[in-house]
């Protein structure tokens, strides 16, 4: 699974896919413990896909966060300098 495929998913799809991959990771680990897993590299691939999903979810969350602008930014800066002067 490539990041480009994941980046276009909605938040709900990301969560569903993550749940599905966590279940398959659990099953792969169990099979590996029992010696039934033919390719142990599957575990690594699944873990990396989960990490890609987490990255895409975090990027989507950051994209939706409004940033400080104008007066808010100046007020925050001013308040920060006053706190430093008192401390």
N, C-alpha and C. Protein backbone atom coordinates (compact mmCIF):
# COMPACT_ATOMS: atom_id res chain seq x y z
N UNK A 1 0.84 -1.16 0.00
CA UNK A 1 0.00 0.00 0.00
C UNK A 1 0.90 1.24 0.00
N UNK A 2 0.66 2.13 -0.91
CA UNK A 2 1.46 3.35 -1.03
C UNK A 2 0.75 4.50 -0.32
N UNK A 3 1.54 5.50 0.09
CA UNK A 3 0.98 6.64 0.80
C UNK A 3 0.00 7.41 -0.09
N UNK A 4 0.25 7.45 -1.38
CA UNK A 4 -0.64 8.17 -2.29
C UNK A 4 -2.05 7.57 -2.25
N UNK A 5 -2.13 6.26 -2.10
CA UNK A 5 -3.43 5.59 -2.02
C UNK A 5 -4.15 5.98 -0.72
N UNK A 6 -3.38 6.10 0.34
CA UNK A 6 -3.93 6.38 1.65
C UNK A 6 -4.34 7.84 1.79
N UNK A 7 -3.57 8.75 1.20
CA UNK A 7 -3.79 10.19 1.37
C UNK A 7 -5.17 10.63 0.91
N UNK A 8 -5.75 9.94 -0.04
CA UNK A 8 -7.06 10.33 -0.55
C UNK A 8 -8.23 9.78 0.24
N UNK A 9 -7.98 8.98 1.27
CA UNK A 9 -9.05 8.37 2.05
C UNK A 9 -9.66 9.36 3.05
N UNK A 10 -10.91 9.11 3.39
CA UNK A 10 -11.56 9.92 4.42
C UNK A 10 -11.12 9.42 5.80
N UNK A 11 -11.41 10.19 6.82
CA UNK A 11 -11.01 9.82 8.18
C UNK A 11 -11.67 8.50 8.61
N UNK A 12 -12.91 8.33 8.21
CA UNK A 12 -13.62 7.09 8.57
C UNK A 12 -12.99 5.88 7.88
N UNK A 13 -12.63 6.06 6.61
CA UNK A 13 -11.97 4.97 5.88
C UNK A 13 -10.62 4.63 6.49
N UNK A 14 -9.90 5.66 6.92
CA UNK A 14 -8.59 5.44 7.56
C UNK A 14 -8.75 4.61 8.83
N UNK A 15 -9.74 4.95 9.63
CA UNK A 15 -9.95 4.22 10.88
C UNK A 15 -10.37 2.77 10.62
N UNK A 16 -11.23 2.57 9.62
CA UNK A 16 -11.66 1.21 9.28
C UNK A 16 -10.49 0.38 8.78
N UNK A 17 -9.68 0.97 7.93
CA UNK A 17 -8.53 0.25 7.38
C UNK A 17 -7.52 -0.06 8.48
N UNK A 18 -7.34 0.89 9.41
CA UNK A 18 -6.40 0.68 10.51
C UNK A 18 -6.87 -0.48 11.40
N UNK A 19 -8.16 -0.53 11.67
CA UNK A 19 -8.72 -1.62 12.47
C UNK A 19 -8.51 -2.96 11.76
N UNK A 20 -8.75 -2.96 10.46
CA UNK A 20 -8.57 -4.18 9.67
C UNK A 20 -7.11 -4.64 9.69
N UNK A 21 -6.18 -3.70 9.55
CA UNK A 21 -4.76 -4.05 9.56
C UNK A 21 -4.29 -4.51 10.93
N UNK A 22 -4.83 -3.92 11.99
CA UNK A 22 -4.46 -4.36 13.34
C UNK A 22 -4.90 -5.81 13.56
N UNK A 23 -6.07 -6.15 13.05
CA UNK A 23 -6.56 -7.53 13.17
C UNK A 23 -5.66 -8.48 12.37
N UNK A 24 -5.28 -8.09 11.17
CA UNK A 24 -4.41 -8.95 10.37
C UNK A 24 -3.02 -9.05 10.98
N UNK A 25 -2.56 -7.98 11.66
CA UNK A 25 -1.27 -8.04 12.35
C UNK A 25 -1.33 -9.04 13.50
N UNK A 26 -2.42 -9.00 14.24
CA UNK A 26 -2.61 -9.95 15.33
C UNK A 26 -2.58 -11.39 14.81
N UNK A 27 -3.31 -11.61 13.73
CA UNK A 27 -3.36 -12.96 13.15
C UNK A 27 -2.00 -13.40 12.64
N UNK A 28 -1.27 -12.48 12.02
CA UNK A 28 0.07 -12.81 11.50
C UNK A 28 1.02 -13.15 12.64
N UNK A 29 0.93 -12.41 13.74
CA UNK A 29 1.79 -12.69 14.89
C UNK A 29 1.47 -14.06 15.50
N UNK A 30 0.19 -14.37 15.55
CA UNK A 30 -0.20 -15.68 16.09
C UNK A 30 0.29 -16.81 15.20
N UNK A 31 0.13 -16.63 13.89
CA UNK A 31 0.61 -17.65 12.96
C UNK A 31 2.12 -17.80 13.05
N UNK A 32 2.81 -16.68 13.23
CA UNK A 32 4.27 -16.73 13.34
C UNK A 32 4.70 -17.48 14.60
N UNK A 33 3.99 -17.26 15.69
CA UNK A 33 4.30 -17.94 16.94
C UNK A 33 4.08 -19.44 16.83
N UNK A 34 3.10 -19.82 16.02
CA UNK A 34 2.80 -21.24 15.83
C UNK A 34 3.62 -21.87 14.72
N UNK A 35 4.39 -21.06 14.02
CA UNK A 35 5.22 -21.57 12.93
C UNK A 35 4.45 -21.79 11.64
N UNK A 36 3.29 -21.17 11.50
CA UNK A 36 2.46 -21.37 10.32
C UNK A 36 2.59 -20.24 9.30
N UNK A 37 3.29 -19.18 9.64
CA UNK A 37 3.43 -18.04 8.74
C UNK A 37 4.52 -18.34 7.73
N UNK A 38 4.16 -18.29 6.45
CA UNK A 38 5.13 -18.64 5.41
C UNK A 38 6.15 -17.54 5.18
N UNK A 39 5.73 -16.28 5.33
CA UNK A 39 6.64 -15.16 5.09
C UNK A 39 6.57 -14.20 6.28
N UNK A 40 7.55 -14.25 7.19
CA UNK A 40 7.52 -13.38 8.36
C UNK A 40 7.66 -11.90 8.03
N UNK A 41 8.06 -11.57 6.82
CA UNK A 41 8.17 -10.17 6.42
C UNK A 41 6.80 -9.51 6.29
N UNK A 42 5.75 -10.32 6.29
CA UNK A 42 4.38 -9.77 6.25
C UNK A 42 4.12 -8.91 7.48
N UNK A 43 4.67 -9.32 8.62
CA UNK A 43 4.47 -8.57 9.86
C UNK A 43 5.04 -7.16 9.71
N UNK A 44 6.22 -7.06 9.14
CA UNK A 44 6.84 -5.74 8.93
C UNK A 44 6.00 -4.89 7.98
N UNK A 45 5.53 -5.50 6.91
CA UNK A 45 4.73 -4.77 5.92
C UNK A 45 3.44 -4.25 6.55
N UNK A 46 2.81 -5.06 7.36
CA UNK A 46 1.56 -4.64 8.01
C UNK A 46 1.82 -3.50 8.98
N UNK A 47 2.90 -3.62 9.77
CA UNK A 47 3.24 -2.54 10.72
C UNK A 47 3.51 -1.24 9.99
N UNK A 48 4.19 -1.30 8.89
CA UNK A 48 4.49 -0.09 8.13
C UNK A 48 3.23 0.52 7.52
N UNK A 49 2.31 -0.32 7.07
CA UNK A 49 1.04 0.20 6.54
C UNK A 49 0.23 0.89 7.63
N UNK A 50 0.26 0.34 8.84
CA UNK A 50 -0.42 0.99 9.95
C UNK A 50 0.22 2.35 10.23
N UNK A 51 1.54 2.42 10.17
CA UNK A 51 2.23 3.69 10.38
C UNK A 51 1.87 4.70 9.30
N UNK A 52 1.73 4.24 8.07
CA UNK A 52 1.31 5.14 6.99
C UNK A 52 -0.09 5.69 7.24
N UNK A 53 -0.97 4.84 7.73
CA UNK A 53 -2.33 5.28 8.05
C UNK A 53 -2.30 6.31 9.18
N UNK A 54 -1.48 6.08 10.19
CA UNK A 54 -1.36 7.03 11.29
C UNK A 54 -0.83 8.37 10.80
N UNK A 55 0.14 8.33 9.89
CA UNK A 55 0.70 9.55 9.34
C UNK A 55 -0.34 10.33 8.55
N UNK A 56 -1.11 9.64 7.75
CA UNK A 56 -2.15 10.29 6.95
C UNK A 56 -3.23 10.89 7.85
N UNK A 57 -3.58 10.19 8.93
CA UNK A 57 -4.59 10.70 9.86
C UNK A 57 -4.08 11.95 10.56
N UNK A 58 -2.82 11.94 10.96
CA UNK A 58 -2.23 13.11 11.63
C UNK A 58 -2.14 14.29 10.67
N UNK A 59 -1.79 14.03 9.42
CA UNK A 59 -1.69 15.10 8.43
C UNK A 59 -3.06 15.71 8.16
N UNK A 60 -4.08 14.89 8.13
CA UNK A 60 -5.43 15.40 7.91
C UNK A 60 -5.89 16.23 9.10
N UNK A 61 -5.51 15.80 10.30
CA UNK A 61 -5.88 16.53 11.51
C UNK A 61 -5.20 17.89 11.54
N UNK A 62 -3.93 17.94 11.17
CA UNK A 62 -3.18 19.20 11.15
C UNK A 62 -3.75 20.13 10.09
N UNK A 63 -4.16 19.60 8.97
CA UNK A 63 -4.70 20.42 7.89
C UNK A 63 -6.00 21.10 8.29
N UNK A 64 -6.75 20.49 9.20
CA UNK A 64 -8.03 21.05 9.62
C UNK A 64 -7.94 22.00 10.80
N UNK A 65 -6.76 22.13 11.41
CA UNK A 65 -6.59 23.00 12.56
C UNK A 65 -6.40 24.43 12.08
N UNK A 66 -7.23 25.36 12.55
CA UNK A 66 -7.06 26.76 12.13
C UNK A 66 -5.80 27.35 12.77
N UNK A 67 -5.13 28.21 12.06
CA UNK A 67 -3.92 28.83 12.57
C UNK A 67 -4.22 30.19 13.15
N UNK A 68 -3.33 30.67 14.00
CA UNK A 68 -3.49 32.00 14.57
C UNK A 68 -3.19 33.04 13.50
N UNK A 69 -3.98 34.09 13.48
CA UNK A 69 -3.74 35.15 12.50
C UNK A 69 -3.82 36.51 13.17
N UNK A 70 -3.14 37.45 12.57
CA UNK A 70 -3.24 38.85 12.94
C UNK A 70 -3.16 39.15 14.42
N UNK A 71 -4.27 39.64 14.99
CA UNK A 71 -4.32 40.10 16.36
C UNK A 71 -4.07 38.98 17.36
N UNK A 72 -4.60 37.80 17.08
CA UNK A 72 -4.41 36.69 17.99
C UNK A 72 -2.92 36.35 18.13
N UNK A 73 -2.22 36.35 17.01
CA UNK A 73 -0.81 36.03 17.02
C UNK A 73 -0.02 37.09 17.79
N UNK A 74 -0.34 38.35 17.55
CA UNK A 74 0.34 39.45 18.22
C UNK A 74 0.05 39.41 19.72
N UNK A 75 -1.20 39.14 20.10
CA UNK A 75 -1.57 39.07 21.51
C UNK A 75 -0.86 37.92 22.21
N UNK A 76 -0.74 36.80 21.53
CA UNK A 76 -0.06 35.64 22.12
C UNK A 76 1.43 35.96 22.32
N UNK A 77 2.01 36.64 21.37
CA UNK A 77 3.42 37.00 21.47
C UNK A 77 3.64 37.98 22.62
N UNK A 78 2.73 38.98 22.72
CA UNK A 78 2.83 39.98 23.77
C UNK A 78 2.66 39.35 25.14
N UNK A 79 1.70 38.46 25.30
CA UNK A 79 1.47 37.77 26.56
C UNK A 79 2.67 36.92 26.94
N UNK A 80 3.28 36.32 25.97
CA UNK A 80 4.47 35.49 26.23
C UNK A 80 5.64 36.32 26.73
N UNK A 81 5.82 37.51 26.18
CA UNK A 81 6.93 38.36 26.61
C UNK A 81 6.69 38.91 28.00
N UNK A 82 5.42 39.19 28.37
CA UNK A 82 5.10 39.66 29.71
C UNK A 82 5.36 38.57 30.75
N UNK A 83 5.02 37.33 30.39
CA UNK A 83 5.24 36.22 31.31
C UNK A 83 6.73 36.00 31.57
N UNK A 84 7.54 36.18 30.55
CA UNK A 84 8.98 36.02 30.70
C UNK A 84 9.55 37.12 31.59
N UNK A 85 9.04 38.36 31.46
CA UNK A 85 9.53 39.49 32.24
C UNK A 85 9.21 39.30 33.72
N UNK A 86 8.05 38.74 34.03
CA UNK A 86 7.67 38.52 35.43
C UNK A 86 8.46 37.40 36.06
N UNK A 87 8.75 36.35 35.27
CA UNK A 87 9.39 35.14 35.79
C UNK A 87 10.81 35.31 36.06
